[in-house]
C-alpha atoms as a PDB file:
ATOM      1  CA  MET A   1       0.072   0.217   0.051  1.00  0.00           C
ATOM      2  CA  ASN A   2       1.385   3.233  -1.085  1.00  0.00           C
ATOM      3  CA  LYS A   3       0.533   6.625   0.916  1.00  0.00           C
ATOM      4  CA  ASN A   4      -0.258   9.545  -1.494  1.00  0.00           C
ATOM      5  CA  LYS A   5       1.841  12.246   0.299  1.00  0.00           C
ATOM      6  CA  LYS A   6       0.106  15.409  -1.454  1.00  0.00           C
ATOM      7  CA  PHE A   7      -3.647  14.318  -0.787  1.00  0.00           C
ATOM      8  CA  GLY A   8      -3.156  11.599   2.062  1.00  0.00           C
ATOM      9  CA  PHE A   9      -4.846   8.725   0.269  1.00  0.00           C
ATOM     10  CA  ASP A  10      -3.720   5.150   0.687  1.00  0.00           C
ATOM     11  CA  LEU A  11      -3.428   3.626  -2.662  1.00  0.00           C
ATOM     12  CA  GLU A  12      -2.992  -0.015  -3.472  1.00  0.00           C
ATOM     13  CA  LEU A  13      -1.931  -0.213  -7.221  1.00  0.00           C
ATOM     14  CA  ILE A  14      -2.634  -3.819  -8.672  1.00  0.00           C
ATOM     15  CA  PRO A  15      -1.563  -4.859 -12.435  1.00  0.00           C
ATOM     16  CA  ASP A  16      -4.991  -7.023 -12.861  1.00  0.00           C
ATOM     17  CA  TYR A  17      -8.334  -5.855 -14.757  1.00  0.00           C
ATOM     18  CA  LEU A  18     -10.919  -5.655 -12.272  1.00  0.00           C
ATOM     19  CA  ASN A  19     -13.492  -6.969 -14.586  1.00  0.00           C
ATOM     20  CA  SER A  20     -14.235 -10.376 -13.435  1.00  0.00           C
ATOM     21  CA  LYS A  21     -15.881 -12.025 -10.352  1.00  0.00           C
ATOM     22  CA  GLU A  22     -12.489 -13.017  -9.064  1.00  0.00           C
ATOM     23  CA  THR A  23     -10.459  -9.601  -9.602  1.00  0.00           C
ATOM     24  CA  ALA A  24     -13.612  -7.767  -8.204  1.00  0.00           C
ATOM     25  CA  GLU A  25     -12.885  -9.421  -5.013  1.00  0.00           C
ATOM     26  CA  LYS A  26      -9.642  -7.258  -4.766  1.00  0.00           C
ATOM     27  CA  ALA A  27     -11.894  -4.106  -4.254  1.00  0.00           C
ATOM     28  CA  LYS A  28     -13.401  -5.371  -0.624  1.00  0.00           C
ATOM     29  CA  GLY A  29     -12.589  -2.561   1.950  1.00  0.00           C
ATOM     30  CA  PHE A  30     -11.919   0.018  -0.845  1.00  0.00           C
ATOM     31  CA  GLU A  31     -13.917   3.196  -1.739  1.00  0.00           C
ATOM     32  CA  CYS A  32     -12.625   3.873  -5.050  1.00  0.00           C
ATOM     33  CA  VAL A  33     -11.879   1.827  -7.965  1.00  0.00           C
ATOM     34  CA  VAL A  34     -10.006   2.961 -10.939  1.00  0.00           C
ATOM     35  CA  LEU A  35     -10.934   0.991 -14.268  1.00  0.00           C
ATOM     36  CA  ARG A  36      -8.812   1.203 -17.309  1.00  0.00           C
ATOM     37  CA  GLY A  37     -10.255   2.357 -20.770  1.00  0.00           C
ATOM     38  CA  ASN A  38      -9.624  -1.400 -21.978  1.00  0.00           C
ATOM     39  CA  CYS A  39     -11.208  -2.565 -18.845  1.00  0.00           C
ATOM     40  CA  PHE A  40     -14.930  -3.725 -19.599  1.00  0.00           C
ATOM     41  CA  ALA A  41     -16.670  -4.163 -16.286  1.00  0.00           C
ATOM     42  CA  THR A  42     -20.435  -5.899 -16.698  1.00  0.00           C
ATOM     43  CA  LYS A  43     -23.134  -5.132 -14.616  1.00  0.00           C
ATOM     44  CA  GLU A  44     -22.830  -8.263 -12.426  1.00  0.00           C
ATOM     45  CA  VAL A  45     -19.421  -6.728 -11.491  1.00  0.00           C
ATOM     46  CA  LEU A  46     -20.517  -3.315 -10.989  1.00  0.00           C
ATOM     47  CA  ASP A  47     -23.002  -4.499  -8.526  1.00  0.00           C
ATOM     48  CA  MET A  48     -20.155  -6.638  -6.810  1.00  0.00           C
ATOM     49  CA  TYR A  49     -18.403  -3.469  -6.280  1.00  0.00           C
ATOM     50  CA  LYS A  50     -21.681  -1.633  -4.969  1.00  0.00           C
ATOM     51  CA  GLU A  51     -21.984  -4.572  -2.340  1.00  0.00           C
ATOM     52  CA  TYR A  52     -18.219  -4.384  -1.592  1.00  0.00           C
ATOM     53  CA  GLY A  53     -19.048  -0.558  -0.430  1.00  0.00           C
ATOM     54  CA  VAL A  54     -17.191   1.135  -3.307  1.00  0.00           C
ATOM     55  CA  LYS A  55     -18.357   4.454  -3.788  1.00  0.00           C
ATOM     56  CA  ILE A  56     -16.716   6.241  -6.709  1.00  0.00           C
ATOM     57  CA  PHE A  57     -15.467   4.849 -10.003  1.00  0.00           C
ATOM     58  CA  ILE A  58     -12.934   6.737 -12.346  1.00  0.00           C
ATOM     59  CA  HIS A  59     -12.756   5.063 -15.718  1.00  0.00           C
ATOM     60  CA  LYS A  60      -9.571   6.149 -17.124  1.00  0.00           C
ATOM     61  CA  ASN A  61      -8.266   6.518 -20.758  1.00  0.00           C
ATOM     62  CA  SER A  62      -4.829   7.086 -21.772  1.00  0.00           C
ATOM     63  CA  TRP A  63      -3.868   9.200 -24.562  1.00  0.00           C
ATOM     64  CA  ASN A  64      -0.864   9.194 -26.616  1.00  0.00           C
END
């Protein structure tokens, strides 16, 4: 877990896409999830996030 010094957030950065039931489990205990542009989460997975207490979703696209 990394501490964001400027804003005081605890961050856990993982390389996995959070778009399956198995990887969505990793969101337990977190308030925010960042989904990358090529990470297609289904309604089922989004409902799991809601059940786990995730309140904020950020969808990030990369621009080159």
